[in-house]
């Protein structure tokens, strides 16, 4: 069966140009289109189309672009839960999902090339580095896009209310009598890490608590090891914090491990509060107090926003999803 790669080799045009010509994109010259269409006809190229696609002028395919630096990918329970919710909502409306990569049929492509070649209707983007050139190229394209756990002034976005989440964490620790509160933050080149660090500092100000630079430690890309190593640095201080707020639950579990290794106890010696409310929070000892992100709502609303952009040509939408404090056993009042 003839593919666009066969036509590409026969004509000398790139797969992206071939795909654009076959789909009548306006940025391909009429002369180039005619060469490609003629060769496609000669080679017996048959588009894999169904009647619904022909009638609606849509591929009924949505792309998922997952690009993060921790290299956990879909194994990360937070993003896995969001994608599962998103999948359930778009599939119920007749869409298929396609994971967007830079490697298509053994050929290196850009994310945008992949989207064009596959003819997707829209894409959700989950990335820890939105300033990546290929991500920016896709954001600047005509494809309907929704960024998850990020903000963008050019495309739609959805994320949790980190302002409220950080305030709830500090407020709760303050209510327990804690005045020496440290923060293990996520990498500043991530949206969540940067925002939560800034909002933690703003929350300290609201309770007239001092910002102690030694109490602010980089935990990297929200991993167990990042939290463990950051907590070890805090434990080297002469004046230990009585509570630590981490920007992610994996980091919180790593911090608890470092505290126990030091011969101290949670929460008797140091209280710990996380962020996410992953399932692991219920099973670690002590059970982790945390800020819950509503992954079901994030996934559902991401689906609604993207499909509205595809069907109704609705312009950029920005949505913030509420969070809540989940109290368990890892925090204790100061006597």
Protein backbone atom coordinates (compact mmCIF):
# COMPACT_ATOMS: atom_id res chain seq x y z
CA UNK A 1 0.00 0.00 0.00
CA UNK A 2 1.41 3.39 -1.03
CA UNK A 3 2.20 5.81 1.80
CA UNK A 4 3.09 9.48 1.91
CA UNK A 5 6.68 8.40 2.51
CA UNK A 6 6.66 6.55 -0.84
CA UNK A 7 5.32 9.68 -2.54
CA UNK A 8 7.92 11.76 -0.70
CA UNK A 9 10.76 9.60 -2.04
CA UNK A 10 9.31 9.62 -5.57
CA UNK A 11 8.82 13.40 -5.73
CA UNK A 12 11.70 14.64 -3.59
CA UNK A 13 9.36 16.64 -1.35
CA UNK A 14 9.31 16.16 2.42
CA UNK A 15 6.59 14.01 4.03
CA UNK A 16 5.18 17.17 5.62
CA UNK A 17 4.87 18.91 2.23
CA UNK A 18 3.29 15.79 0.71
CA UNK A 19 0.77 15.60 3.54
CA UNK A 20 -0.04 19.29 3.21
CA UNK A 21 -0.54 18.96 -0.54
CA UNK A 22 -2.82 15.94 -0.17
CA UNK A 23 -4.85 17.83 2.43
CA UNK A 24 -4.98 21.01 0.32
CA UNK A 25 -3.07 23.28 2.72
CA UNK A 26 -2.83 26.85 1.46
CA UNK A 27 0.89 27.24 2.19
CA UNK A 28 1.85 24.76 -0.55
CA UNK A 29 2.10 26.21 -4.07
CA UNK A 30 -0.35 25.06 -6.70
CA UNK A 31 2.51 23.77 -8.86
CA UNK A 32 3.85 21.61 -6.01
CA UNK A 33 0.35 20.32 -5.23
CA UNK A 34 -0.18 19.23 -8.83
CA UNK A 35 3.15 17.37 -8.94
CA UNK A 36 2.36 15.54 -5.70
CA UNK A 37 -1.28 14.80 -6.60
CA UNK A 38 -0.25 13.47 -10.01
CA UNK A 39 2.37 11.19 -8.51
CA UNK A 40 -0.04 10.05 -5.78
CA UNK A 41 -2.56 9.10 -8.47
CA UNK A 42 0.07 7.25 -10.51
CA UNK A 43 1.19 5.29 -7.44
CA UNK A 44 -2.37 4.38 -6.47
CA UNK A 45 -2.34 6.28 -3.20
CA UNK A 46 -5.61 5.83 -1.33
CA UNK A 47 -6.20 7.99 1.76
CA UNK A 48 -7.31 6.00 4.79
CA UNK A 49 -10.54 7.94 5.16
CA UNK A 50 -14.05 7.09 6.29
CA UNK A 51 -17.30 8.73 5.25
CA UNK A 52 -17.49 10.62 8.50
CA UNK A 53 -14.10 12.19 7.89
CA UNK A 54 -15.10 13.23 4.38
CA UNK A 55 -18.37 14.74 5.53
CA UNK A 56 -17.14 16.55 8.64
CA UNK A 57 -13.71 17.53 7.28
CA UNK A 58 -12.20 16.28 10.54
CA UNK A 59 -9.89 13.37 11.26
CA UNK A 60 -11.59 12.66 14.60
CA UNK A 61 -8.13 12.22 16.09
CA UNK A 62 -6.66 14.21 18.99
CA UNK A 63 -2.96 14.27 19.77
CA UNK A 64 -1.33 13.93 23.18
CA UNK A 65 2.11 15.45 23.46
CA UNK A 66 3.91 14.37 26.62
CA UNK A 67 7.35 15.89 27.02
CA UNK A 68 8.89 16.13 30.51
CA UNK A 69 12.37 16.06 32.00
CA UNK A 70 11.84 13.52 34.77
CA UNK A 71 11.58 10.79 32.10
CA UNK A 72 8.85 8.97 34.02
CA UNK A 73 6.33 9.75 31.31
CA UNK A 74 2.97 8.05 31.58
CA UNK A 75 4.14 6.19 34.68
CA UNK A 76 3.74 9.36 36.72
CA UNK A 77 0.40 8.89 38.55
CA UNK A 78 -0.56 12.59 38.42
CA UNK A 79 -0.31 12.91 34.64
CA UNK A 80 -1.59 9.39 34.11
CA UNK A 81 -4.79 10.30 36.00
CA UNK A 82 -5.26 13.48 33.95
CA UNK A 83 -4.77 11.66 30.65
CA UNK A 84 -7.15 8.89 31.71
CA UNK A 85 -9.86 11.46 32.48
CA UNK A 86 -9.15 13.29 29.21
CA UNK A 87 -9.25 10.00 27.28
CA UNK A 88 -12.60 9.00 28.77
CA UNK A 89 -14.16 12.33 27.85
CA UNK A 90 -12.89 12.63 24.26
CA UNK A 91 -13.53 8.99 23.41
CA UNK A 92 -17.14 9.34 24.55
CA UNK A 93 -17.51 11.98 21.82
CA UNK A 94 -16.07 9.80 19.08
CA UNK A 95 -12.42 10.86 19.04
CA UNK A 96 -9.37 8.62 18.88
CA UNK A 97 -6.12 9.49 20.62
CA UNK A 98 -2.63 9.58 19.14
CA UNK A 99 0.61 10.15 21.03
CA UNK A 100 2.76 12.74 19.29
CA UNK A 101 6.48 11.98 19.03
CA UNK A 102 9.51 13.12 17.05
CA UNK A 103 9.97 9.70 15.49
CA UNK A 104 7.43 8.75 12.84
CA UNK A 105 7.86 5.58 10.82
CA UNK A 106 11.59 5.59 11.55
CA UNK A 107 11.89 9.17 10.29
CA UNK A 108 12.85 12.03 12.61
CA UNK A 109 10.17 14.73 12.53
CA UNK A 110 9.17 17.73 14.62
CA UNK A 111 6.07 17.66 16.79
CA UNK A 112 4.37 19.98 14.31
CA UNK A 113 5.33 17.73 11.39
CA UNK A 114 3.81 14.75 13.17
CA UNK A 115 0.57 16.64 13.78
CA UNK A 116 0.38 17.74 10.14
CA UNK A 117 1.20 14.31 8.70
CA UNK A 118 -1.36 12.58 10.92
CA UNK A 119 -3.91 15.32 10.24
CA UNK A 120 -5.01 15.57 13.87
CA UNK A 121 -7.79 17.97 14.84
CA UNK A 122 -6.14 19.28 18.01
CA UNK A 123 -3.56 18.44 20.67
CA UNK A 124 -3.08 18.62 24.43
CA UNK A 125 0.43 19.47 25.56
CA UNK A 126 1.94 18.28 28.83
CA UNK A 127 5.49 19.57 29.10
CA UNK A 128 7.97 20.53 31.79
CA UNK A 129 9.81 22.85 29.41
CA UNK A 130 7.39 24.91 27.29
CA UNK A 131 10.26 27.04 25.95
CA UNK A 132 11.50 24.11 23.89
CA UNK A 133 11.71 25.27 20.24
CA UNK A 134 9.53 22.43 18.98
CA UNK A 135 6.87 23.12 21.60
CA UNK A 136 6.90 26.82 20.68
CA UNK A 137 6.59 25.92 16.99
CA UNK A 138 3.44 23.90 17.72
CA UNK A 139 2.01 26.59 20.01
CA UNK A 140 2.50 29.17 17.24
CA UNK A 141 0.78 26.96 14.66
CA UNK A 142 -2.90 26.93 13.68
CA UNK A 143 -3.58 23.68 15.53
CA UNK A 144 -6.03 23.96 18.44
CA UNK A 145 -3.91 23.33 21.55
CA UNK A 146 -4.49 23.11 25.29
CA UNK A 147 -1.53 23.22 27.67
CA UNK A 148 -1.99 21.27 30.88
CA UNK A 149 -0.29 22.37 34.12
CA UNK A 150 1.00 25.48 32.35
CA UNK A 151 -0.03 28.95 31.23
CA UNK A 152 0.32 30.50 27.79
CA UNK A 153 -0.79 33.82 26.28
CA UNK A 154 -1.17 32.28 22.82
CA UNK A 155 -3.00 29.00 23.45
CA UNK A 156 -5.57 27.66 25.89
CA UNK A 157 -4.35 26.35 29.22
CA UNK A 158 -5.58 24.67 32.37
CA UNK A 159 -3.91 24.21 35.74
CA UNK A 160 -4.65 23.94 39.45
CA UNK A 161 -5.11 26.94 41.71
CA UNK A 162 -1.55 26.99 43.07
CA UNK A 163 -2.11 30.38 44.71
CA UNK A 164 -4.85 28.89 46.86
CA UNK A 165 -3.00 25.61 47.35
CA UNK A 166 0.13 27.21 48.78
CA UNK A 167 -1.94 29.46 51.02
CA UNK A 168 -3.87 26.47 52.38
CA UNK A 169 -0.64 24.64 53.17
CA UNK A 170 0.94 27.57 55.03
CA UNK A 171 -2.33 28.45 56.75
CA UNK A 172 -2.72 24.91 58.07
CA UNK A 173 0.84 24.72 59.37
CA UNK A 174 0.46 28.17 60.94
CA UNK A 175 -2.75 27.07 62.66
CA UNK A 176 -0.79 24.21 64.23
CA UNK A 177 1.66 26.70 65.70
CA UNK A 178 4.50 26.30 63.19
CA UNK A 179 6.55 29.43 62.56
CA UNK A 180 9.70 27.90 61.08
CA UNK A 181 8.36 26.54 57.79
CA UNK A 182 10.66 25.38 54.99
CA UNK A 183 9.81 24.71 51.36
CA UNK A 184 11.22 22.08 49.00
CA UNK A 185 10.32 23.53 45.64
CA UNK A 186 10.14 22.09 42.14
CA UNK A 187 12.59 23.22 39.50
CA UNK A 188 12.16 26.90 38.66
CA UNK A 189 12.09 26.15 34.93
CA UNK A 190 8.76 24.38 35.39
CA UNK A 191 5.51 26.30 35.67
CA UNK A 192 4.38 24.50 38.82
CA UNK A 193 7.72 24.73 40.58
CA UNK A 194 8.13 28.44 39.91
CA UNK A 195 4.54 29.40 40.82
CA UNK A 196 4.44 27.34 44.01
CA UNK A 197 7.75 28.79 45.21
CA UNK A 198 6.53 32.36 44.65
CA UNK A 199 3.16 31.68 46.26
CA UNK A 200 4.78 29.99 49.25
CA UNK A 201 6.80 33.16 49.82
CA UNK A 202 3.68 35.31 49.36
CA UNK A 203 1.81 33.15 51.86
CA UNK A 204 4.57 33.60 54.43
CA UNK A 205 4.11 37.36 54.10
CA UNK A 206 0.37 37.05 54.70
CA UNK A 207 1.07 35.45 58.07
CA UNK A 208 3.94 37.83 58.89
CA UNK A 209 6.44 34.98 58.77
CA UNK A 210 10.04 35.63 57.70
CA UNK A 211 11.45 34.28 54.43
CA UNK A 212 14.57 32.35 55.45
CA UNK A 213 16.70 31.63 52.39
CA UNK A 214 18.19 28.49 53.93
CA UNK A 215 14.67 27.11 54.26
CA UNK A 216 14.11 27.27 50.48
CA UNK A 217 15.68 24.23 48.80
CA UNK A 218 15.49 23.09 45.16
CA UNK A 219 13.97 19.60 44.91
CA UNK A 220 14.42 19.32 41.15
CA UNK A 221 11.80 17.66 38.97
CA UNK A 222 9.38 16.54 41.69
CA UNK A 223 11.03 13.17 42.33
CA UNK A 224 11.61 11.05 45.43
CA UNK A 225 15.37 11.57 45.12
CA UNK A 226 14.90 15.32 44.73
CA UNK A 227 12.89 15.51 47.95
CA UNK A 228 15.30 13.19 49.76
CA UNK A 229 18.41 15.20 48.83
CA UNK A 230 16.73 18.55 49.54
CA UNK A 231 15.63 17.36 52.97
CA UNK A 232 19.18 16.20 53.76
CA UNK A 233 20.35 19.78 53.12
CA UNK A 234 17.71 21.11 55.50
CA UNK A 235 18.76 18.60 58.15
CA UNK A 236 22.30 20.01 58.04
CA UNK A 237 21.08 23.39 59.35
CA UNK A 238 21.70 24.32 62.97
CA UNK A 239 18.20 25.75 63.32
CA UNK A 240 15.91 23.08 61.89
CA UNK A 241 12.47 23.94 60.53
CA UNK A 242 9.55 22.49 62.44
CA UNK A 243 7.57 21.92 59.22
CA UNK A 244 8.32 21.41 55.54
CA UNK A 245 5.96 22.07 52.64
CA UNK A 246 7.00 20.20 49.49
CA UNK A 247 5.81 21.05 45.97
CA UNK A 248 4.99 17.42 45.18
CA UNK A 249 4.03 14.21 46.96
CA UNK A 250 6.99 12.19 45.66
CA UNK A 251 9.29 14.84 47.10
CA UNK A 252 7.40 14.66 50.40
CA UNK A 253 7.92 10.89 50.59
CA UNK A 254 11.62 11.40 49.86
CA UNK A 255 11.80 14.02 52.59
CA UNK A 256 10.16 11.66 55.10
CA UNK A 257 12.74 8.99 54.23
CA UNK A 258 15.62 11.42 54.87
CA UNK A 259 14.14 12.49 58.21
CA UNK A 260 13.75 8.89 59.37
CA UNK A 261 17.28 8.09 58.23
CA UNK A 262 18.50 10.94 60.45
CA UNK A 263 16.81 9.32 63.44
CA UNK A 264 14.02 11.90 63.63
CA UNK A 265 10.28 11.33 63.43
CA UNK A 266 7.42 12.63 61.32
CA UNK A 267 5.41 14.43 62.57
CA UNK A 268 6.78 14.43 66.14
CA UNK A 269 10.00 16.23 65.18
CA UNK A 270 9.19 17.68 61.76
CA UNK A 271 5.79 18.00 60.07
CA UNK A 272 5.53 17.35 56.33
CA UNK A 273 2.87 18.43 53.86
CA UNK A 274 2.82 17.49 50.16
CA UNK A 275 1.09 18.56 46.96
CA UNK A 276 -0.96 16.40 44.51
CA UNK A 277 -2.78 13.80 46.64
CA UNK A 278 -1.41 10.78 44.82
CA UNK A 279 -2.58 7.35 45.95
CA UNK A 280 0.78 6.83 47.66
CA UNK A 281 -0.25 9.42 50.28
CA UNK A 282 -2.63 6.91 51.85
CA UNK A 283 -0.05 4.15 52.16
CA UNK A 284 3.16 5.79 53.41
CA UNK A 285 3.85 6.01 57.13
CA UNK A 286 2.71 8.42 58.36
CA UNK A 287 -0.12 8.96 55.91
CA UNK A 288 0.64 12.18 54.08
CA UNK A 289 -1.24 15.43 54.55
CA UNK A 290 -1.31 17.15 51.16
CA UNK A 291 -2.95 19.60 48.76
CA UNK A 292 -5.27 17.71 46.43
CA UNK A 293 -5.27 18.47 42.71
CA UNK A 294 -8.48 17.40 40.99
CA UNK A 295 -7.15 15.35 38.08
CA UNK A 296 -10.65 14.30 36.98
CA UNK A 297 -11.72 17.94 36.54
CA UNK A 298 -8.47 18.90 34.83
CA UNK A 299 -8.84 16.09 32.28
CA UNK A 300 -12.56 16.70 31.69
CA UNK A 301 -12.21 20.44 31.25
CA UNK A 302 -9.17 20.05 29.02
CA UNK A 303 -11.33 17.86 26.76
CA UNK A 304 -14.18 20.40 26.78
CA UNK A 305 -11.87 23.31 25.95
CA UNK A 306 -10.11 21.51 23.11
CA UNK A 307 -13.25 20.14 21.47
CA UNK A 308 -14.91 23.56 21.68
CA UNK A 309 -11.91 25.03 19.89
CA UNK A 310 -12.09 22.33 17.22
CA UNK A 311 -15.86 22.48 16.65
CA UNK A 312 -16.83 26.04 17.52
CA UNK A 313 -13.55 27.82 16.75
CA UNK A 314 -13.62 29.29 20.26
CA UNK A 315 -10.54 31.38 20.98
CA UNK A 316 -8.02 30.95 23.79
CA UNK A 317 -9.44 29.85 27.15
CA UNK A 318 -7.60 29.86 30.48
CA UNK A 319 -9.03 27.78 33.34
CA UNK A 320 -7.94 27.34 36.95
CA UNK A 321 -9.15 24.27 38.84
CA UNK A 322 -9.85 24.45 42.61
CA UNK A 323 -7.66 22.54 45.09
CA UNK A 324 -8.30 21.39 48.65
CA UNK A 325 -6.36 20.50 51.77
CA UNK A 326 -6.46 16.80 52.70
CA UNK A 327 -5.49 16.30 56.35
CA UNK A 328 -3.93 12.98 57.35
CA UNK A 329 -1.18 12.13 59.83
CA UNK A 330 2.05 13.84 58.77
CA UNK A 331 1.54 17.17 60.56
CA UNK A 332 1.39 17.84 64.28
CA UNK A 333 0.70 20.90 66.43
CA UNK A 334 3.60 22.66 68.10
CA UNK A 335 3.21 22.54 71.90
